C-alpha atoms as a PDB file:
ATOM      1  CA  MET A   1       6.294 -13.554  36.182  1.00  0.00           C
ATOM      2  CA  LYS A   2       6.768 -16.624  33.977  1.00  0.00           C
ATOM      3  CA  ILE A   3       4.069 -17.987  31.724  1.00  0.00           C
ATOM      4  CA  LYS A   4       4.621 -21.425  30.222  1.00  0.00           C
ATOM      5  CA  TYR A   5       2.513 -22.588  27.299  1.00  0.00           C
ATOM      6  CA  GLU A   6       2.507 -24.701  24.157  1.00  0.00           C
ATOM      7  CA  SER A   7       3.666 -22.596  21.205  1.00  0.00           C
ATOM      8  CA  THR A   8       1.988 -23.544  17.928  1.00  0.00           C
ATOM      9  CA  ILE A   9       3.494 -23.439  14.467  1.00  0.00           C
ATOM     10  CA  GLU A  10       0.735 -21.046  13.365  1.00  0.00           C
ATOM     11  CA  GLU A  11       1.706 -18.559  16.088  1.00  0.00           C
ATOM     12  CA  ALA A  12       5.348 -18.782  15.026  1.00  0.00           C
ATOM     13  CA  ILE A  13       4.379 -18.227  11.383  1.00  0.00           C
ATOM     14  CA  GLU A  14       2.336 -15.168  12.371  1.00  0.00           C
ATOM     15  CA  ALA A  15       5.283 -13.757  14.336  1.00  0.00           C
ATOM     16  CA  HIS A  16       7.595 -14.254  11.351  1.00  0.00           C
ATOM     17  CA  LEU A  17       5.118 -12.609   8.970  1.00  0.00           C
ATOM     18  CA  ARG A  18       4.826  -9.617  11.288  1.00  0.00           C
ATOM     19  CA  LEU A  19       8.609  -9.386  11.545  1.00  0.00           C
ATOM     20  CA  MET A  20       8.941  -9.583   7.753  1.00  0.00           C
ATOM     21  CA  ALA A  21       6.433  -6.749   7.381  1.00  0.00           C
ATOM     22  CA  LEU A  22       8.822  -4.506   9.336  1.00  0.00           C
ATOM     23  CA  SER A  23      11.705  -5.140   6.940  1.00  0.00           C
ATOM     24  CA  LYS A  24      12.102  -2.732   4.046  1.00  0.00           C
ATOM     25  CA  THR A  25      14.381  -5.264   2.351  1.00  0.00           C
ATOM     26  CA  LEU A  26      11.822  -8.067   2.502  1.00  0.00           C
ATOM     27  CA  ARG A  27       8.991  -5.796   1.360  1.00  0.00           C
ATOM     28  CA  LYS A  28      11.174  -4.746  -1.554  1.00  0.00           C
ATOM     29  CA  MET A  29      11.788  -8.394  -2.471  1.00  0.00           C
ATOM     30  CA  LYS A  30       8.040  -8.885  -2.904  1.00  0.00           C
ATOM     31  CA  TRP A  31       7.926  -6.197  -5.563  1.00  0.00           C
ATOM     32  CA  GLU A  32      11.106  -7.452  -7.211  1.00  0.00           C
ATOM     33  CA  GLY A  33       9.124 -10.545  -8.172  1.00  0.00           C
ATOM     34  CA  LEU A  34       7.246  -8.332 -10.595  1.00  0.00           C
ATOM     35  CA  LEU A  35      10.472  -7.981 -12.568  1.00  0.00           C
ATOM     36  CA  PHE A  36       9.361 -11.202 -14.256  1.00  0.00           C
ATOM     37  CA  VAL A  37       6.612  -9.264 -16.030  1.00  0.00           C
ATOM     38  CA  PRO A  38       8.910  -7.898 -18.761  1.00  0.00           C
ATOM     39  CA  ILE A  39      10.487 -11.343 -19.148  1.00  0.00           C
ATOM     40  CA  ILE A  40       7.050 -12.918 -19.547  1.00  0.00           C
ATOM     41  CA  PHE A  41       6.071 -10.166 -21.963  1.00  0.00           C
ATOM     42  CA  ILE A  42       9.132 -10.792 -24.159  1.00  0.00           C
ATOM     43  CA  ALA A  43       8.778 -14.581 -23.995  1.00  0.00           C
ATOM     44  CA  VAL A  44       5.104 -14.494 -24.974  1.00  0.00           C
ATOM     45  CA  TYR A  45       5.846 -11.997 -27.734  1.00  0.00           C
ATOM     46  CA  PHE A  46       8.374 -14.352 -29.338  1.00  0.00           C
ATOM     47  CA  ILE A  47       6.382 -17.561 -28.699  1.00  0.00           C
ATOM     48  CA  PHE A  48       3.123 -16.485 -30.333  1.00  0.00           C
ATOM     49  CA  PRO A  49       3.116 -16.410 -34.116  1.00  0.00           C
ATOM     50  CA  GLY A  50       1.328 -13.794 -36.133  1.00  0.00           C
ATOM     51  CA  LYS A  51       1.229 -10.082 -36.616  1.00  0.00           C
ATOM     52  CA  VAL A  52       3.011  -7.757 -34.227  1.00  0.00           C
ATOM     53  CA  VAL A  53      -0.276  -6.301 -32.952  1.00  0.00           C
ATOM     54  CA  PHE A  54      -1.563  -9.750 -31.915  1.00  0.00           C
ATOM     55  CA  LYS A  55       1.771 -10.734 -30.386  1.00  0.00           C
ATOM     56  CA  ILE A  56       1.856  -7.555 -28.300  1.00  0.00           C
ATOM     57  CA  SER A  57      -1.801  -8.066 -27.288  1.00  0.00           C
ATOM     58  CA  TYR A  58      -1.097 -11.620 -26.105  1.00  0.00           C
ATOM     59  CA  ALA A  59       2.011 -10.464 -24.252  1.00  0.00           C
ATOM     60  CA  ILE A  60       0.133  -7.645 -22.491  1.00  0.00           C
ATOM     61  CA  LEU A  61      -2.744  -9.964 -21.582  1.00  0.00           C
ATOM     62  CA  THR A  62      -0.386 -12.617 -20.196  1.00  0.00           C
ATOM     63  CA  SER A  63       1.522 -10.020 -18.185  1.00  0.00           C
ATOM     64  CA  ALA A  64      -1.738  -8.521 -16.887  1.00  0.00           C
ATOM     65  CA  ILE A  65      -2.827 -11.972 -15.691  1.00  0.00           C
ATOM     66  CA  PHE A  66       0.534 -12.690 -14.045  1.00  0.00           C
ATOM     67  CA  ILE A  67       0.570  -9.553 -11.857  1.00  0.00           C
ATOM     68  CA  PRO A  68      -2.639 -10.214  -9.837  1.00  0.00           C
ATOM     69  CA  LEU A  69      -1.849 -13.942  -9.622  1.00  0.00           C
ATOM     70  CA  TYR A  70       1.600 -13.206  -8.236  1.00  0.00           C
ATOM     71  CA  LEU A  71       0.367 -10.597  -5.740  1.00  0.00           C
ATOM     72  CA  SER A  72      -2.543 -12.740  -4.555  1.00  0.00           C
ATOM     73  CA  SER A  73      -0.415 -15.858  -4.055  1.00  0.00           C
ATOM     74  CA  TYR A  74       2.619 -14.128  -2.517  1.00  0.00           C
ATOM     75  CA  LYS A  75       1.515 -14.293   1.123  1.00  0.00           C
ATOM     76  CA  ARG A  76       0.403 -17.917   0.806  1.00  0.00           C
ATOM     77  CA  THR A  77       3.751 -18.844  -0.766  1.00  0.00           C
ATOM     78  CA  ILE A  78       5.704 -17.063   1.969  1.00  0.00           C
ATOM     79  CA  LYS A  79       3.628 -18.776   4.681  1.00  0.00           C
ATOM     80  CA  LYS A  80       4.436 -22.192   3.165  1.00  0.00           C
ATOM     81  CA  ARG A  81       8.142 -21.363   3.083  1.00  0.00           C
ATOM     82  CA  ILE A  82       8.145 -20.109   6.671  1.00  0.00           C
ATOM     83  CA  ARG A  83       6.270 -23.241   7.774  1.00  0.00           C
ATOM     84  CA  LYS A  84       8.906 -25.479   6.131  1.00  0.00           C
ATOM     85  CA  LEU A  85      11.714 -23.461   7.706  1.00  0.00           C
ATOM     86  CA  LEU A  86      10.133 -23.633  11.168  1.00  0.00           C
ATOM     87  CA  ILE A  87       9.468 -27.369  10.930  1.00  0.00           C
ATOM     88  CA  GLU A  88      13.086 -27.828   9.918  1.00  0.00           C
ATOM     89  CA  SER A  89      14.388 -25.731  12.815  1.00  0.00           C
ATOM     90  CA  LEU A  90      11.921 -26.968  15.477  1.00  0.00           C
ATOM     91  CA  GLY A  91      11.925 -30.573  14.292  1.00  0.00           C
ATOM     92  CA  THR A  92       8.119 -30.794  14.374  1.00  0.00           C
ATOM     93  CA  ASP A  93       4.912 -29.103  13.333  1.00  0.00           C
ATOM     94  CA  LYS A  94       3.308 -29.930  16.686  1.00  0.00           C
ATOM     95  CA  PRO A  95       3.094 -27.417  19.566  1.00  0.00           C
ATOM     96  CA  VAL A  96       6.316 -27.124  21.560  1.00  0.00           C
ATOM     97  CA  PRO A  97       6.905 -25.938  25.126  1.00  0.00           C
ATOM     98  CA  ALA A  98       7.684 -22.241  25.362  1.00  0.00           C
ATOM     99  CA  GLU A  99       7.554 -19.474  27.923  1.00  0.00           C
ATOM    100  CA  PHE A 100       7.487 -15.738  28.288  1.00  0.00           C
ATOM    101  CA  GLU A 101       9.056 -14.214  31.365  1.00  0.00           C
ATOM    102  CA  PHE A 102       8.221 -10.663  32.325  1.00  0.00           C
ATOM    103  CA  THR A 103      11.016  -9.088  34.375  1.00  0.00           C
ATOM    104  CA  ASP A 104      11.854  -5.554  35.492  1.00  0.00           C
ATOM    105  CA  ASP A 105      14.470  -5.310  32.722  1.00  0.00           C
ATOM    106  CA  GLY A 106      12.395  -6.711  29.906  1.00  0.00           C
ATOM    107  CA  LEU A 107      10.646  -9.600  28.273  1.00  0.00           C
ATOM    108  CA  ILE A 108      12.300 -12.985  27.773  1.00  0.00           C
ATOM    109  CA  PHE A 109      11.053 -15.623  25.336  1.00  0.00           C
ATOM    110  CA  ARG A 110      12.301 -19.198  25.615  1.00  0.00           C
ATOM    111  CA  ARG A 111      11.613 -22.146  23.326  1.00  0.00           C
ATOM    112  CA  LEU A 112      13.542 -25.403  22.891  1.00  0.00           C
ATOM    113  CA  GLY A 113      16.673 -24.124  24.595  1.00  0.00           C
ATOM    114  CA  ALA A 114      16.783 -20.799  22.742  1.00  0.00           C
ATOM    115  CA  GLU A 115      16.287 -17.528  24.570  1.00  0.00           C
ATOM    116  CA  VAL A 116      15.556 -14.037  23.270  1.00  0.00           C
ATOM    117  CA  LYS A 117      15.628 -10.983  25.543  1.00  0.00           C
ATOM    118  CA  PHE A 118      13.803  -7.761  24.774  1.00  0.00           C
ATOM    119  CA  ARG A 119      14.678  -4.724  26.928  1.00  0.00           C
ATOM    120  CA  TRP A 120      11.795  -2.542  28.119  1.00  0.00           C
ATOM    121  CA  ASN A 121      13.801   0.603  27.382  1.00  0.00           C
ATOM    122  CA  THR A 122      13.675  -0.052  23.623  1.00  0.00           C
ATOM    123  CA  PRO A 123       9.994  -0.506  22.709  1.00  0.00           C
ATOM    124  CA  TRP A 124       9.002   1.380  19.637  1.00  0.00           C
ATOM    125  CA  GLU A 125       5.393   0.327  19.264  1.00  0.00           C
ATOM    126  CA  ILE A 126       2.868  -1.844  21.098  1.00  0.00           C
ATOM    127  CA  ASN A 127      -0.119  -3.275  19.229  1.00  0.00           C
ATOM    128  CA  GLU A 128      -3.027  -5.403  20.320  1.00  0.00           C
ATOM    129  CA  ASP A 129      -5.748  -7.288  18.496  1.00  0.00           C
ATOM    130  CA  GLU A 130      -8.194 -10.004  19.526  1.00  0.00           C
ATOM    131  CA  LYS A 131      -5.525 -12.744  19.491  1.00  0.00           C
ATOM    132  CA  ILE A 132      -2.127 -11.193  20.246  1.00  0.00           C
ATOM    133  CA  LEU A 133      -0.069  -8.548  21.987  1.00  0.00           C
ATOM    134  CA  GLU A 134       2.718  -7.325  19.735  1.00  0.00           C
ATOM    135  CA  PHE A 135       5.805  -5.517  21.003  1.00  0.00           C
ATOM    136  CA  ILE A 136       7.955  -3.951  18.297  1.00  0.00           C
ATOM    137  CA  PHE A 137      11.388  -2.805  19.431  1.00  0.00           C
ATOM    138  CA  GLU A 138      13.734  -0.142  18.022  1.00  0.00           C
ATOM    139  CA  ASN A 139      16.085  -2.666  16.442  1.00  0.00           C
ATOM    140  CA  LYS A 140      13.175  -4.096  14.399  1.00  0.00           C
ATOM    141  CA  SER A 141      12.855  -7.125  16.643  1.00  0.00           C
ATOM    142  CA  ILE A 142       9.403  -8.281  17.631  1.00  0.00           C
ATOM    143  CA  ALA A 143       7.687 -10.194  20.417  1.00  0.00           C
ATOM    144  CA  VAL A 144       4.272 -11.607  19.559  1.00  0.00           C
ATOM    145  CA  ILE A 145       2.465 -12.873  22.639  1.00  0.00           C
ATOM    146  CA  PRO A 146      -0.702 -14.921  22.166  1.00  0.00           C
ATOM    147  CA  LYS A 147      -3.430 -13.620  24.485  1.00  0.00           C
ATOM    148  CA  ARG A 148      -4.585 -17.185  25.108  1.00  0.00           C
ATOM    149  CA  ILE A 149      -1.609 -17.730  27.426  1.00  0.00           C
ATOM    150  CA  PHE A 150      -3.134 -15.278  29.929  1.00  0.00           C
ATOM    151  CA  GLU A 151      -6.462 -17.119  30.180  1.00  0.00           C
ATOM    152  CA  ASN A 152      -5.481 -19.427  33.061  1.00  0.00           C
ATOM    153  CA  GLU A 153      -3.538 -17.034  35.237  1.00  0.00           C
END
């Protein structure tokens, strides 16, 4: 069975975010951003004049402000970067023709001349929410199928 639909940039971003969440390396990179905290601490310590106690207080306060700001803006920053990357690779931010084909051997995704095949014998996890079906495979690949594509057929 083939299902053709218009794939949106938001759906592609969501698929990339879900794929990134599977990667230990990419999750680690998020926390590596907090390595700037000691650098900020040292910079603030040397920038502010005054007694050591006040300098350390300012440095701790600045570092304490940086951590929640960084963590709260991380996902938004990553989404912007993924969006730019996808627009660059797809050539547009508009919906593009795509299709999923369900075969006996597996699931095939096609978009703009590219094709990805997922074998049924390698699923690791299947998740569902109100908007998507998510197939996670053993090799940490992922197929995110929008449920809206099933509405007409």
